[in-house]
Protein backbone atom coordinates (compact mmCIF):
# COMPACT_ATOMS: atom_id res chain seq x y z
CA UNK A 1 111.94 88.03 266.92
CA UNK A 2 111.28 87.74 263.18
CA UNK A 3 111.38 83.95 263.33
CA UNK A 4 108.89 83.96 266.16
CA UNK A 5 106.47 86.13 264.13
CA UNK A 6 106.94 83.91 261.10
CA UNK A 7 106.16 80.75 263.08
CA UNK A 8 103.17 82.45 264.70
CA UNK A 9 101.88 83.55 261.25
CA UNK A 10 102.27 80.03 259.85
CA UNK A 11 100.37 78.51 262.78
CA UNK A 12 97.62 81.15 262.58
CA UNK A 13 97.29 80.61 258.82
CA UNK A 14 97.08 76.85 259.29
CA UNK A 15 94.33 77.23 261.90
CA UNK A 16 92.33 79.63 259.71
CA UNK A 17 92.77 77.28 256.73
CA UNK A 18 91.64 74.25 258.75
CA UNK A 19 88.56 76.13 259.96
CA UNK A 20 87.67 77.21 256.45
CA UNK A 21 88.14 73.65 255.20
CA UNK A 22 85.71 72.37 257.82
CA UNK A 23 83.14 75.07 256.98
CA UNK A 24 83.34 74.51 253.23
CA UNK A 25 83.86 70.75 253.22
CA UNK A 26 82.00 68.95 250.40
CA UNK A 27 78.97 66.90 251.10
CA UNK A 28 79.27 63.27 252.02
CA UNK A 29 79.50 60.78 249.16
CA UNK A 30 75.85 59.77 249.47
CA UNK A 31 74.66 63.40 249.53
CA UNK A 32 76.86 64.27 246.56
CA UNK A 33 75.55 61.31 244.52
CA UNK A 34 71.96 62.33 245.30
CA UNK A 35 72.66 65.95 244.30
CA UNK A 36 74.31 64.88 241.04
CA UNK A 37 71.53 62.39 240.26
CA UNK A 38 68.73 64.91 240.87
CA UNK A 39 70.59 67.58 238.88
CA UNK A 40 71.06 65.15 235.99
CA UNK A 41 67.39 64.17 236.09
CA UNK A 42 66.21 67.76 235.99
CA UNK A 43 68.66 68.56 233.20
CA UNK A 44 67.47 65.54 231.22
CA UNK A 45 63.81 66.48 231.61
CA UNK A 46 64.56 70.08 230.67
CA UNK A 47 66.47 68.89 227.60
CA UNK A 48 63.61 66.56 226.65
CA UNK A 49 61.08 69.40 226.86
CA UNK A 50 63.31 71.68 224.81
CA UNK A 51 63.78 69.00 222.16
CA UNK A 52 60.03 68.37 221.97
CA UNK A 53 59.34 72.09 221.58
CA UNK A 54 62.01 72.52 218.90
CA UNK A 55 60.71 69.42 217.13
CA UNK A 56 57.22 70.91 216.95
CA UNK A 57 58.67 74.17 215.63
CA UNK A 58 60.63 72.31 212.96
CA UNK A 59 57.57 70.31 211.93
CA UNK A 60 55.54 73.49 211.59
CA UNK A 61 58.27 75.19 209.55
CA UNK A 62 58.60 72.14 207.32
CA UNK A 63 54.86 72.08 206.67
CA UNK A 64 54.94 75.78 205.76
CA UNK A 65 57.82 75.17 203.34
CA UNK A 66 55.97 72.27 201.71
CA UNK A 67 52.88 74.44 201.21
CA UNK A 68 54.99 77.25 199.78
CA UNK A 69 56.68 74.81 197.39
CA UNK A 70 53.26 73.56 196.25
CA UNK A 71 52.19 77.14 195.51
CA UNK A 72 55.40 78.10 193.71
CA UNK A 73 55.78 74.97 191.55
CA UNK A 74 53.10 75.88 188.95
CA UNK A 75 54.49 79.41 188.64
CA UNK A 76 58.01 78.10 188.08
CA UNK A 77 56.77 75.58 185.51
CA UNK A 78 54.96 78.34 183.63
CA UNK A 79 58.07 80.53 183.69
CA UNK A 80 60.14 77.65 182.29
CA UNK A 81 57.62 77.23 179.48
CA UNK A 82 57.77 80.94 178.63
CA UNK A 83 61.57 80.89 178.59
CA UNK A 84 61.59 77.85 176.31
CA UNK A 85 59.12 79.59 173.99
CA UNK A 86 61.35 82.69 173.86
CA UNK A 87 64.36 80.48 173.19
CA UNK A 88 62.58 78.96 170.19
CA UNK A 89 61.59 82.39 168.89
CA UNK A 90 65.15 83.69 169.28
CA UNK A 91 66.57 80.64 167.51
CA UNK A 92 64.19 81.20 164.60
CA UNK A 93 65.07 84.91 164.49
CA UNK A 94 68.78 84.08 164.55
CA UNK A 95 68.42 81.72 161.60
CA UNK A 96 66.42 84.34 159.67
CA UNK A 97 68.90 87.12 160.43
CA UNK A 98 71.85 84.93 159.52
CA UNK A 99 70.21 84.24 156.15
CA UNK A 100 69.60 87.93 155.55
CA UNK A 101 73.19 88.81 156.45
CA UNK A 102 74.48 86.15 154.08
CA UNK A 103 72.27 87.51 151.30
CA UNK A 104 73.56 91.04 151.94
CA UNK A 105 77.15 89.83 151.90
CA UNK A 106 76.58 87.96 148.65
CA UNK A 107 74.87 90.90 146.96
CA UNK A 108 77.52 93.28 148.27
CA UNK A 109 80.38 91.22 146.92
CA UNK A 110 78.60 90.72 143.55
CA UNK A 111 77.93 94.44 143.05
CA UNK A 112 81.47 95.47 143.93
CA UNK A 113 82.87 93.12 141.29
CA UNK A 114 80.66 94.45 138.50
CA UNK A 115 81.00 98.14 139.31
CA UNK A 116 84.74 98.19 139.72
CA UNK A 117 86.69 100.39 142.10
CA UNK A 118 85.17 103.61 143.29
CA UNK A 119 87.16 106.82 143.25
CA UNK A 120 86.68 109.55 145.74
């Protein structure tokens, strides 16, 4: 009895599977090629439009960056000039302070030799 049910189940499954295969069978070769070709064409045109749009956006952004760079360049050049001026002033001040420190060291060592040791 079990073998009979098993054979019946296998036959019923095969029939259901064959019916489903017929219902969901792929298109013919010619239909499939047409579907693929039209899908590729629409994808290519969509991609082309997207690339054109993004290209225009990039061009606009690039133009904005160029204008911004033109506006910023004089300010940056002025800032560089100010920094170089400060650098010169600091260098001069360093030389002057180094001279003063050396004078103080020299006068300090001269006075300690003439006065002798100090007692506290």
